[in-house]
Amino acid sequence: AIASAASAPTSIEERHFGKLSINIPNRRVEVNGQRVNLTVKEFDLLVTLTWAPERVFTREALLNQVWGYTYLGDGRTVDVHIGTLRKKIESIADAPHYIKTVWGVGYKFSLEGQE
């Protein structure tokens, strides 16, 4: 199968997934052309998940990647940030549900249902 333009990052600096656009150098996220203000950790979490769409990341892997190996928190920190990130990028009208929970494992950025 040939990957569509919407399913693959267009460059290292910008990623487009259907109605979601991420400009990494500017730390800017838009859904349906509307700017979404994310915290530093929410942005880093989104960038990490979109680096490998459909890959399942464990909570531990996300903690290590986003918070660093020396962070002493637990997986609930990831769950809370995933929850606020979902609210921000999926609450805009007609926005797909990008972030999927993989029960017992972790989370993934899903390309299902995107244009």
Foldseek 3Di string as FASTA:
>chain_A
DDDDQQLAQPDLQWGHHFQWIAGNVVRWIGGVNHTFDDDQLLSQLVSVQSVDAPDFDFLVNSCCRRVNPPDPDDSVVVVVSVVVSQCRQVVPPPGDRQWDADPPGHIHGYNPPGD
